[in-house]
N, C-alpha and C. Protein backbone atom coordinates (compact mmCIF):
# COMPACT_ATOMS: atom_id res chain seq x y z
N MET A 1 0.81 -1.18 0.00
CA MET A 1 0.00 0.00 0.00
C MET A 1 0.87 1.25 0.00
N SER A 2 1.98 1.22 0.70
CA SER A 2 2.83 2.39 0.73
C SER A 2 3.49 2.64 -0.62
N ARG A 3 3.78 1.57 -1.38
CA ARG A 3 4.34 1.74 -2.72
C ARG A 3 3.32 2.41 -3.64
N ARG A 4 2.08 2.04 -3.50
CA ARG A 4 1.01 2.64 -4.30
C ARG A 4 0.86 4.12 -3.97
N LEU A 5 0.96 4.48 -2.70
CA LEU A 5 0.86 5.87 -2.26
C LEU A 5 2.03 6.68 -2.82
N VAL A 6 3.21 6.11 -2.85
CA VAL A 6 4.38 6.78 -3.38
C VAL A 6 4.22 7.00 -4.88
N LEU A 7 3.67 6.03 -5.60
CA LEU A 7 3.45 6.16 -7.03
C LEU A 7 2.45 7.27 -7.34
N LEU A 8 1.46 7.47 -6.51
CA LEU A 8 0.48 8.53 -6.71
C LEU A 8 1.04 9.91 -6.34
N LYS A 9 1.98 9.97 -5.44
CA LYS A 9 2.54 11.25 -5.00
C LYS A 9 3.38 11.90 -6.10
N TRP A 10 4.17 11.13 -6.83
CA TRP A 10 5.07 11.70 -7.82
C TRP A 10 4.33 12.43 -8.95
N PRO A 11 3.31 11.87 -9.56
CA PRO A 11 2.59 12.64 -10.60
C PRO A 11 1.92 13.89 -10.04
N ALA A 12 1.37 13.79 -8.83
CA ALA A 12 0.71 14.95 -8.22
C ALA A 12 1.74 16.03 -7.92
N LEU A 13 2.90 15.63 -7.42
CA LEU A 13 3.96 16.58 -7.12
C LEU A 13 4.49 17.22 -8.41
N ALA A 14 4.63 16.45 -9.47
CA ALA A 14 5.10 16.99 -10.75
C ALA A 14 4.08 17.97 -11.33
N ALA A 15 2.79 17.65 -11.22
CA ALA A 15 1.75 18.55 -11.71
C ALA A 15 1.75 19.86 -10.92
N LEU A 16 1.91 19.77 -9.62
CA LEU A 16 1.96 20.96 -8.77
C LEU A 16 3.17 21.82 -9.12
N LEU A 17 4.31 21.20 -9.33
CA LEU A 17 5.52 21.92 -9.71
C LEU A 17 5.35 22.62 -11.06
N LEU A 18 4.72 21.96 -12.02
CA LEU A 18 4.46 22.55 -13.33
C LEU A 18 3.51 23.75 -13.21
N LEU A 19 2.49 23.62 -12.37
CA LEU A 19 1.53 24.71 -12.16
C LEU A 19 2.21 25.94 -11.56
N VAL A 20 3.04 25.74 -10.56
CA VAL A 20 3.76 26.86 -9.92
C VAL A 20 4.71 27.52 -10.92
N THR A 21 5.40 26.73 -11.72
CA THR A 21 6.32 27.27 -12.72
C THR A 21 5.59 28.13 -13.75
N CYS A 22 4.46 27.63 -14.25
CA CYS A 22 3.68 28.39 -15.24
C CYS A 22 3.14 29.69 -14.65
N ALA A 23 2.60 29.61 -13.43
CA ALA A 23 2.04 30.80 -12.79
C ALA A 23 3.12 31.86 -12.57
N THR A 24 4.30 31.43 -12.17
CA THR A 24 5.41 32.36 -11.95
C THR A 24 5.85 32.99 -13.27
N ALA A 25 5.91 32.19 -14.31
CA ALA A 25 6.32 32.72 -15.61
C ALA A 25 5.33 33.77 -16.11
N PHE A 26 4.04 33.51 -15.96
CA PHE A 26 3.03 34.49 -16.39
C PHE A 26 3.05 35.74 -15.53
N ALA A 27 3.34 35.59 -14.25
CA ALA A 27 3.40 36.75 -13.35
C ALA A 27 4.55 37.68 -13.75
N PHE A 28 5.70 37.11 -14.11
CA PHE A 28 6.83 37.95 -14.51
C PHE A 28 6.64 38.54 -15.89
N ARG A 29 5.85 37.89 -16.71
CA ARG A 29 5.62 38.36 -18.07
C ARG A 29 4.62 39.51 -18.13
N ALA A 30 3.65 39.57 -17.20
CA ALA A 30 2.60 40.60 -17.21
C ALA A 30 3.19 41.93 -16.77
N PRO A 31 2.73 43.05 -17.35
CA PRO A 31 3.19 44.37 -16.91
C PRO A 31 2.81 44.61 -15.46
N ALA A 32 3.66 45.34 -14.76
CA ALA A 32 3.44 45.57 -13.33
C ALA A 32 2.15 46.33 -13.08
N GLU A 33 1.83 47.33 -13.89
CA GLU A 33 0.64 48.14 -13.66
C GLU A 33 -0.64 47.33 -13.82
N SER A 34 -0.70 46.47 -14.83
CA SER A 34 -1.91 45.68 -15.01
C SER A 34 -2.08 44.69 -13.87
N ALA A 35 -0.98 44.21 -13.30
CA ALA A 35 -1.07 43.32 -12.15
C ALA A 35 -1.65 44.08 -10.97
N ARG A 36 -1.21 45.33 -10.76
CA ARG A 36 -1.75 46.14 -9.67
C ARG A 36 -3.24 46.38 -9.86
N HIS A 37 -3.66 46.67 -11.11
CA HIS A 37 -5.07 46.91 -11.38
C HIS A 37 -5.90 45.67 -11.11
N SER A 38 -5.39 44.49 -11.49
CA SER A 38 -6.17 43.28 -11.28
C SER A 38 -6.28 42.98 -9.79
N ILE A 39 -5.24 43.28 -9.02
CA ILE A 39 -5.32 43.10 -7.58
C ILE A 39 -6.29 44.10 -6.99
N ALA A 40 -6.23 45.36 -7.42
CA ALA A 40 -7.13 46.39 -6.90
C ALA A 40 -8.57 46.08 -7.26
N ASP A 41 -8.80 45.50 -8.43
CA ASP A 41 -10.16 45.16 -8.83
C ASP A 41 -10.75 44.07 -7.95
N SER A 42 -9.89 43.15 -7.50
CA SER A 42 -10.40 42.01 -6.76
C SER A 42 -10.42 42.23 -5.26
N VAL A 43 -9.69 43.22 -4.75
CA VAL A 43 -9.62 43.45 -3.32
C VAL A 43 -10.51 44.62 -2.94
N PRO A 44 -11.59 44.37 -2.19
CA PRO A 44 -12.43 45.49 -1.77
C PRO A 44 -11.68 46.39 -0.81
N GLY A 45 -11.93 47.68 -0.89
CA GLY A 45 -11.30 48.65 -0.01
C GLY A 45 -9.87 48.98 -0.41
N SER A 46 -9.46 48.62 -1.59
CA SER A 46 -8.12 48.91 -2.06
C SER A 46 -7.96 50.41 -2.27
N SER A 47 -6.74 50.92 -2.09
CA SER A 47 -6.51 52.36 -2.25
C SER A 47 -6.41 52.77 -3.71
N THR A 48 -6.23 51.83 -4.63
CA THR A 48 -6.13 52.16 -6.05
C THR A 48 -7.54 52.31 -6.61
N PRO A 49 -7.89 53.50 -7.18
CA PRO A 49 -9.24 53.67 -7.71
C PRO A 49 -9.45 52.82 -8.96
N VAL A 50 -10.65 52.28 -9.08
CA VAL A 50 -11.01 51.48 -10.24
C VAL A 50 -11.76 52.36 -11.22
N LYS A 51 -11.28 52.45 -12.46
CA LYS A 51 -11.95 53.27 -13.47
C LYS A 51 -13.16 52.52 -13.99
N SER A 52 -14.28 53.20 -14.02
CA SER A 52 -15.47 52.59 -14.59
C SER A 52 -15.79 53.28 -15.91
N ALA A 53 -16.59 52.61 -16.70
CA ALA A 53 -16.98 53.16 -18.00
C ALA A 53 -17.84 54.40 -17.79
N PRO A 54 -17.65 55.44 -18.59
CA PRO A 54 -18.47 56.65 -18.44
C PRO A 54 -19.92 56.35 -18.80
N THR A 55 -20.82 57.07 -18.16
CA THR A 55 -22.24 56.88 -18.43
C THR A 55 -22.67 57.77 -19.59
N LEU A 56 -23.83 57.45 -20.12
CA LEU A 56 -24.39 58.24 -21.21
C LEU A 56 -24.68 59.66 -20.73
N THR A 57 -25.12 59.79 -19.48
CA THR A 57 -25.41 61.10 -18.91
C THR A 57 -24.14 61.94 -18.80
N GLN A 58 -23.04 61.33 -18.37
CA GLN A 58 -21.77 62.05 -18.28
C GLN A 58 -21.30 62.52 -19.65
N ALA A 59 -21.41 61.65 -20.63
CA ALA A 59 -20.98 62.00 -21.99
C ALA A 59 -21.85 63.11 -22.55
N ARG A 60 -23.16 63.03 -22.33
CA ARG A 60 -24.06 64.07 -22.84
C ARG A 60 -23.76 65.41 -22.18
N SER A 61 -23.56 65.39 -20.88
CA SER A 61 -23.26 66.63 -20.16
C SER A 61 -21.97 67.26 -20.67
N TRP A 62 -20.94 66.44 -20.87
CA TRP A 62 -19.67 66.96 -21.38
C TRP A 62 -19.85 67.54 -22.77
N LEU A 63 -20.58 66.83 -23.64
CA LEU A 63 -20.77 67.27 -25.02
C LEU A 63 -21.56 68.58 -25.07
N GLU A 64 -22.63 68.69 -24.29
CA GLU A 64 -23.41 69.93 -24.27
C GLU A 64 -22.57 71.10 -23.76
N GLY A 65 -21.75 70.86 -22.74
CA GLY A 65 -20.86 71.90 -22.23
C GLY A 65 -19.83 72.34 -23.26
N ALA A 66 -19.26 71.37 -23.96
CA ALA A 66 -18.26 71.69 -24.99
C ALA A 66 -18.89 72.49 -26.13
N LEU A 67 -20.10 72.13 -26.53
CA LEU A 67 -20.78 72.88 -27.59
C LEU A 67 -21.08 74.30 -27.14
N GLN A 68 -21.48 74.45 -25.89
CA GLN A 68 -21.77 75.79 -25.38
C GLN A 68 -20.49 76.63 -25.27
N ASP A 69 -19.39 76.00 -24.88
CA ASP A 69 -18.12 76.73 -24.75
C ASP A 69 -17.67 77.36 -26.05
N VAL A 70 -17.93 76.70 -27.17
CA VAL A 70 -17.50 77.24 -28.47
C VAL A 70 -18.66 77.88 -29.24
N ARG A 71 -19.75 78.11 -28.53
CA ARG A 71 -20.93 78.80 -29.08
C ARG A 71 -21.56 78.05 -30.27
N LEU A 72 -21.66 76.74 -30.13
CA LEU A 72 -22.39 75.93 -31.11
C LEU A 72 -23.71 75.48 -30.49
N THR A 73 -24.40 76.42 -29.87
CA THR A 73 -25.63 76.10 -29.15
C THR A 73 -26.80 75.78 -30.06
N GLN A 74 -26.66 76.02 -31.35
CA GLN A 74 -27.74 75.69 -32.27
C GLN A 74 -27.79 74.19 -32.56
N LEU A 75 -26.78 73.45 -32.15
CA LEU A 75 -26.78 72.00 -32.33
C LEU A 75 -27.48 71.34 -31.15
N ARG A 76 -28.30 70.33 -31.44
CA ARG A 76 -29.07 69.63 -30.41
C ARG A 76 -28.46 68.26 -30.15
N VAL A 77 -28.32 67.93 -28.87
CA VAL A 77 -27.81 66.62 -28.46
C VAL A 77 -28.99 65.78 -28.01
N GLU A 78 -29.10 64.56 -28.55
CA GLU A 78 -30.20 63.67 -28.21
C GLU A 78 -29.67 62.28 -27.94
N GLU A 79 -30.40 61.55 -27.07
CA GLU A 79 -30.07 60.16 -26.78
C GLU A 79 -30.98 59.26 -27.60
N GLN A 80 -30.38 58.26 -28.24
CA GLN A 80 -31.15 57.32 -29.04
C GLN A 80 -30.55 55.93 -28.89
N GLY A 81 -31.28 55.06 -28.22
CA GLY A 81 -30.84 53.67 -28.10
C GLY A 81 -29.47 53.48 -27.48
N GLY A 82 -29.17 54.19 -26.41
CA GLY A 82 -27.88 54.06 -25.76
C GLY A 82 -26.74 54.78 -26.46
N GLN A 83 -27.07 55.59 -27.45
CA GLN A 83 -26.07 56.36 -28.19
C GLN A 83 -26.44 57.83 -28.13
N LEU A 84 -25.49 58.68 -28.46
CA LEU A 84 -25.76 60.12 -28.55
C LEU A 84 -25.74 60.53 -30.02
N SER A 85 -26.62 61.45 -30.35
CA SER A 85 -26.59 62.01 -31.70
C SER A 85 -26.63 63.52 -31.58
N VAL A 86 -25.98 64.18 -32.50
CA VAL A 86 -25.97 65.64 -32.56
C VAL A 86 -26.59 66.02 -33.89
N GLU A 87 -27.57 66.91 -33.84
CA GLU A 87 -28.28 67.31 -35.05
C GLU A 87 -28.30 68.82 -35.18
N GLY A 88 -28.33 69.29 -36.41
CA GLY A 88 -28.46 70.70 -36.68
C GLY A 88 -27.44 71.19 -37.69
N ALA A 89 -27.46 72.49 -37.87
CA ALA A 89 -26.54 73.14 -38.81
C ALA A 89 -25.77 74.22 -38.05
N PHE A 90 -24.56 74.46 -38.49
CA PHE A 90 -23.73 75.48 -37.85
C PHE A 90 -23.05 76.30 -38.94
N PRO A 91 -22.64 77.52 -38.62
CA PRO A 91 -21.95 78.35 -39.60
C PRO A 91 -20.66 77.68 -40.07
N ALA A 92 -20.38 77.81 -41.35
CA ALA A 92 -19.18 77.18 -41.93
C ALA A 92 -17.90 77.62 -41.22
N ALA A 93 -17.89 78.83 -40.69
CA ALA A 93 -16.70 79.34 -40.01
C ALA A 93 -16.39 78.56 -38.73
N GLN A 94 -17.36 77.82 -38.20
CA GLN A 94 -17.16 77.07 -36.96
C GLN A 94 -16.91 75.59 -37.20
N LYS A 95 -16.62 75.21 -38.43
CA LYS A 95 -16.41 73.80 -38.74
C LYS A 95 -15.24 73.22 -37.95
N SER A 96 -14.16 73.97 -37.83
CA SER A 96 -13.00 73.45 -37.10
C SER A 96 -13.33 73.23 -35.62
N SER A 97 -14.15 74.11 -35.05
CA SER A 97 -14.57 73.94 -33.66
C SER A 97 -15.36 72.64 -33.50
N TRP A 98 -16.28 72.38 -34.42
CA TRP A 98 -17.07 71.15 -34.36
C TRP A 98 -16.17 69.92 -34.49
N LEU A 99 -15.22 69.95 -35.42
CA LEU A 99 -14.33 68.81 -35.61
C LEU A 99 -13.47 68.55 -34.37
N GLN A 100 -13.04 69.62 -33.70
CA GLN A 100 -12.26 69.46 -32.47
C GLN A 100 -13.09 68.84 -31.37
N ILE A 101 -14.35 69.27 -31.25
CA ILE A 101 -15.24 68.69 -30.23
C ILE A 101 -15.48 67.22 -30.52
N GLN A 102 -15.72 66.90 -31.76
CA GLN A 102 -15.97 65.51 -32.15
C GLN A 102 -14.75 64.63 -31.84
N GLN A 103 -13.57 65.13 -32.14
CA GLN A 103 -12.35 64.37 -31.86
C GLN A 103 -12.14 64.21 -30.36
N ALA A 104 -12.37 65.28 -29.59
CA ALA A 104 -12.21 65.20 -28.14
C ALA A 104 -13.22 64.22 -27.54
N PHE A 105 -14.45 64.21 -28.05
CA PHE A 105 -15.47 63.27 -27.57
C PHE A 105 -15.01 61.84 -27.82
N ASP A 106 -14.54 61.58 -29.03
CA ASP A 106 -14.08 60.23 -29.37
C ASP A 106 -12.92 59.80 -28.50
N THR A 107 -12.03 60.73 -28.16
CA THR A 107 -10.90 60.41 -27.30
C THR A 107 -11.38 60.06 -25.89
N ARG A 108 -12.33 60.83 -25.36
CA ARG A 108 -12.81 60.61 -24.00
C ARG A 108 -13.78 59.45 -23.87
N PHE A 109 -14.73 59.37 -24.78
CA PHE A 109 -15.85 58.44 -24.62
C PHE A 109 -15.99 57.41 -25.74
N GLY A 110 -15.18 57.52 -26.78
CA GLY A 110 -15.37 56.73 -27.99
C GLY A 110 -15.34 55.23 -27.81
N GLN A 111 -14.64 54.72 -26.79
CA GLN A 111 -14.60 53.28 -26.59
C GLN A 111 -15.87 52.76 -25.94
N HIS A 112 -16.68 53.66 -25.37
CA HIS A 112 -17.86 53.22 -24.63
C HIS A 112 -19.17 53.74 -25.20
N ILE A 113 -19.14 54.93 -25.80
CA ILE A 113 -20.37 55.57 -26.26
C ILE A 113 -20.21 56.02 -27.70
N VAL A 114 -21.20 55.70 -28.51
CA VAL A 114 -21.18 56.06 -29.93
C VAL A 114 -21.79 57.44 -30.11
N LEU A 115 -21.13 58.29 -30.89
CA LEU A 115 -21.64 59.61 -31.23
C LEU A 115 -21.97 59.61 -32.72
N THR A 116 -23.24 59.88 -33.02
CA THR A 116 -23.68 59.94 -34.41
C THR A 116 -23.89 61.40 -34.79
N PRO A 117 -23.02 61.98 -35.61
CA PRO A 117 -23.18 63.38 -35.99
C PRO A 117 -24.08 63.53 -37.22
N ASN A 118 -25.20 64.18 -37.04
CA ASN A 118 -26.09 64.54 -38.14
C ASN A 118 -26.08 66.05 -38.28
N VAL A 119 -24.89 66.59 -38.50
CA VAL A 119 -24.72 68.04 -38.57
C VAL A 119 -24.17 68.41 -39.93
N GLN A 120 -24.36 69.66 -40.27
CA GLN A 120 -23.81 70.15 -41.53
C GLN A 120 -23.48 71.63 -41.40
N ALA A 121 -22.44 72.01 -42.10
CA ALA A 121 -22.08 73.42 -42.15
C ALA A 121 -23.05 74.10 -43.10
N SER A 122 -23.53 75.24 -42.70
CA SER A 122 -24.50 75.95 -43.54
C SER A 122 -23.96 77.32 -43.91
N THR A 123 -24.67 77.95 -44.80
CA THR A 123 -24.33 79.33 -45.13
C THR A 123 -24.65 80.18 -43.91
N ALA A 124 -24.19 81.38 -43.93
CA ALA A 124 -24.39 82.26 -42.77
C ALA A 124 -25.88 82.36 -42.42
N LEU A 125 -26.17 82.11 -41.16
CA LEU A 125 -27.54 82.20 -40.69
C LEU A 125 -27.93 83.66 -40.50
N ALA A 126 -29.12 83.97 -40.94
CA ALA A 126 -29.61 85.33 -40.75
C ALA A 126 -30.08 85.48 -39.31
N ALA A 127 -29.55 86.46 -38.63
CA ALA A 127 -29.94 86.69 -37.25
C ALA A 127 -31.38 87.19 -37.22
N PRO A 128 -32.16 86.71 -36.27
CA PRO A 128 -33.55 87.16 -36.18
C PRO A 128 -33.62 88.66 -35.88
N ARG A 129 -34.64 89.28 -36.43
CA ARG A 129 -34.85 90.71 -36.18
C ARG A 129 -35.88 90.87 -35.07
N VAL A 130 -35.46 90.59 -33.88
CA VAL A 130 -36.34 90.72 -32.72
C VAL A 130 -35.66 91.63 -31.71
N ARG A 131 -36.48 92.30 -30.95
CA ARG A 131 -35.96 93.19 -29.91
C ARG A 131 -36.63 92.82 -28.60
N PHE A 132 -35.83 92.36 -27.67
CA PHE A 132 -36.35 92.01 -26.35
C PHE A 132 -35.88 93.06 -25.36
N GLN A 133 -36.79 93.46 -24.47
CA GLN A 133 -36.44 94.42 -23.44
C GLN A 133 -35.95 93.73 -22.18
N ALA A 134 -36.52 92.55 -21.90
CA ALA A 134 -36.16 91.84 -20.68
C ALA A 134 -36.46 90.36 -20.84
N VAL A 135 -35.83 89.56 -19.99
CA VAL A 135 -36.06 88.11 -19.99
C VAL A 135 -36.30 87.68 -18.55
N TRP A 136 -37.35 86.87 -18.34
CA TRP A 136 -37.64 86.29 -17.03
C TRP A 136 -37.34 84.80 -17.12
N PHE A 137 -36.36 84.32 -16.31
CA PHE A 137 -35.97 82.91 -16.32
C PHE A 137 -36.63 82.13 -15.19
N GLY A 138 -37.58 82.72 -14.51
CA GLY A 138 -38.22 82.09 -13.36
C GLY A 138 -39.09 80.89 -13.69
N ARG A 139 -40.11 80.68 -12.85
CA ARG A 139 -40.96 79.49 -12.95
C ARG A 139 -41.68 79.38 -14.28
N ASN A 140 -42.28 80.42 -14.76
CA ASN A 140 -42.91 80.46 -16.08
C ASN A 140 -42.15 81.48 -16.92
N PRO A 141 -41.08 81.07 -17.59
CA PRO A 141 -40.20 82.02 -18.27
C PRO A 141 -40.90 82.72 -19.44
N TYR A 142 -40.49 83.97 -19.67
CA TYR A 142 -41.02 84.75 -20.78
C TYR A 142 -40.03 85.86 -21.12
N VAL A 143 -40.24 86.49 -22.28
CA VAL A 143 -39.48 87.68 -22.64
C VAL A 143 -40.46 88.82 -22.81
N ILE A 144 -39.97 90.01 -22.66
CA ILE A 144 -40.79 91.19 -22.91
C ILE A 144 -40.30 91.78 -24.23
N ASP A 145 -41.22 91.88 -25.19
CA ASP A 145 -40.83 92.34 -26.53
C ASP A 145 -40.71 93.86 -26.59
N GLU A 146 -40.46 94.38 -27.78
CA GLU A 146 -40.24 95.81 -27.96
C GLU A 146 -41.47 96.65 -27.64
N HIS A 147 -42.67 96.02 -27.60
CA HIS A 147 -43.90 96.74 -27.30
C HIS A 147 -44.31 96.61 -25.84
N GLY A 148 -43.47 95.93 -25.03
CA GLY A 148 -43.76 95.78 -23.62
C GLY A 148 -44.67 94.60 -23.30
N LYS A 149 -44.91 93.72 -24.24
CA LYS A 149 -45.79 92.57 -24.02
C LYS A 149 -44.96 91.34 -23.66
N ARG A 150 -45.55 90.49 -22.80
CA ARG A 150 -44.91 89.22 -22.45
C ARG A 150 -45.07 88.24 -23.60
N VAL A 151 -43.98 87.56 -23.93
CA VAL A 151 -43.99 86.56 -24.99
C VAL A 151 -43.47 85.26 -24.38
N TYR A 152 -44.29 84.21 -24.44
CA TYR A 152 -43.96 82.93 -23.83
C TYR A 152 -43.43 81.94 -24.87
N PRO A 153 -42.69 80.90 -24.43
CA PRO A 153 -42.21 79.89 -25.37
C PRO A 153 -43.36 79.32 -26.20
N GLY A 154 -43.08 79.15 -27.49
CA GLY A 154 -44.09 78.67 -28.43
C GLY A 154 -44.70 79.78 -29.27
N ALA A 155 -44.50 81.03 -28.85
CA ALA A 155 -45.10 82.17 -29.56
C ALA A 155 -44.37 82.43 -30.87
N LEU A 156 -45.13 82.90 -31.86
CA LEU A 156 -44.57 83.25 -33.17
C LEU A 156 -44.06 84.68 -33.13
N LEU A 157 -42.87 84.89 -33.67
CA LEU A 157 -42.22 86.20 -33.69
C LEU A 157 -42.12 86.69 -35.13
N PRO A 158 -41.66 87.93 -35.34
CA PRO A 158 -41.50 88.44 -36.71
C PRO A 158 -40.59 87.55 -37.56
N ASP A 159 -40.80 87.57 -38.88
CA ASP A 159 -40.02 86.79 -39.85
C ASP A 159 -40.14 85.28 -39.64
N ASN A 160 -41.28 84.84 -39.11
CA ASN A 160 -41.57 83.42 -38.88
C ASN A 160 -40.65 82.71 -37.89
N TRP A 161 -40.00 83.45 -37.04
CA TRP A 161 -39.23 82.84 -35.96
C TRP A 161 -40.21 82.47 -34.85
N ARG A 162 -39.93 81.37 -34.16
CA ARG A 162 -40.76 80.94 -33.04
C ARG A 162 -39.87 80.87 -31.80
N LEU A 163 -40.39 81.36 -30.68
CA LEU A 163 -39.66 81.30 -29.41
C LEU A 163 -39.72 79.85 -28.92
N GLU A 164 -38.61 79.14 -29.08
CA GLU A 164 -38.59 77.70 -28.75
C GLU A 164 -38.50 77.46 -27.25
N SER A 165 -37.54 78.11 -26.59
CA SER A 165 -37.38 77.87 -25.15
C SER A 165 -36.63 79.02 -24.50
N ILE A 166 -36.81 79.09 -23.18
CA ILE A 166 -36.07 80.04 -22.34
C ILE A 166 -35.59 79.21 -21.16
N GLU A 167 -34.30 78.90 -21.14
CA GLU A 167 -33.78 78.06 -20.06
C GLU A 167 -32.30 78.33 -19.86
N GLY A 168 -31.85 78.02 -18.66
CA GLY A 168 -30.44 78.28 -18.34
C GLY A 168 -30.17 79.76 -18.48
N ASN A 169 -29.28 80.10 -19.35
CA ASN A 169 -28.99 81.50 -19.64
C ASN A 169 -29.20 81.79 -21.12
N GLN A 170 -30.16 81.07 -21.74
CA GLN A 170 -30.37 81.22 -23.18
C GLN A 170 -31.83 81.40 -23.54
N VAL A 171 -32.02 82.17 -24.61
CA VAL A 171 -33.32 82.30 -25.27
C VAL A 171 -33.11 81.69 -26.65
N ARG A 172 -33.85 80.61 -26.94
CA ARG A 172 -33.67 79.91 -28.22
C ARG A 172 -34.84 80.18 -29.15
N LEU A 173 -34.49 80.51 -30.40
CA LEU A 173 -35.49 80.75 -31.45
C LEU A 173 -35.30 79.71 -32.55
N VAL A 174 -36.39 79.37 -33.24
CA VAL A 174 -36.32 78.39 -34.31
C VAL A 174 -37.17 78.85 -35.48
N ARG A 175 -36.68 78.56 -36.70
CA ARG A 175 -37.43 78.84 -37.92
C ARG A 175 -37.07 77.73 -38.91
N GLY A 176 -37.98 76.78 -39.07
CA GLY A 176 -37.67 75.63 -39.91
C GLY A 176 -36.52 74.85 -39.32
N ASP A 177 -35.45 74.65 -40.09
CA ASP A 177 -34.26 73.96 -39.60
C ASP A 177 -33.25 74.91 -38.97
N GLU A 178 -33.50 76.20 -39.05
CA GLU A 178 -32.58 77.19 -38.48
C GLU A 178 -32.84 77.34 -36.99
N ARG A 179 -31.76 77.46 -36.24
CA ARG A 179 -31.87 77.69 -34.80
C ARG A 179 -30.97 78.86 -34.44
N PHE A 180 -31.43 79.64 -33.48
CA PHE A 180 -30.65 80.79 -33.03
C PHE A 180 -30.78 80.86 -31.52
N ALA A 181 -29.68 81.11 -30.84
CA ALA A 181 -29.70 81.19 -29.38
C ALA A 181 -29.06 82.49 -28.93
N PHE A 182 -29.79 83.21 -28.08
CA PHE A 182 -29.23 84.38 -27.41
C PHE A 182 -28.68 83.88 -26.09
N THR A 183 -27.41 84.09 -25.84
CA THR A 183 -26.83 83.70 -24.56
C THR A 183 -26.66 84.95 -23.72
N LEU A 184 -27.22 84.91 -22.54
CA LEU A 184 -27.17 86.09 -21.66
C LEU A 184 -26.16 85.88 -20.55
């Protein structure tokens, strides 16, 4: 019986030795940083922060902020099926700004979130011929026109412009596919 036990020990010992050798070889072959990340991922309460994929809300917020920073507020950002799309037209002079935003978005979020651009450079947009005396951004926002009357979102203005919205620090007008935003 002891001879049988000895015969079973040698293959088990050889298999264990082979396993340890392979594990050690792979450990030395892996980059040090990825090993730290895998340990941090598996150990709760680790001091190394774990990067998570950005959310659609984070990407949308960043994109809307970037568009506002370069004054491309006439472009609309929408969510469709877990993706973001940008729609509208912008002045041809701002094409480079749009391309920079698109490239920056792809760098930040491109591995996780798809951006579908449905935008086009247009000829110079005609600025609306409206005169506002004041803007109320409160609970029921409105503007006061040149005649002293309150004008609420949805109202038709001269030259077929329509008051689309009053929110944040902007008054947005729309006429067909044209959009215009007053930033205050």
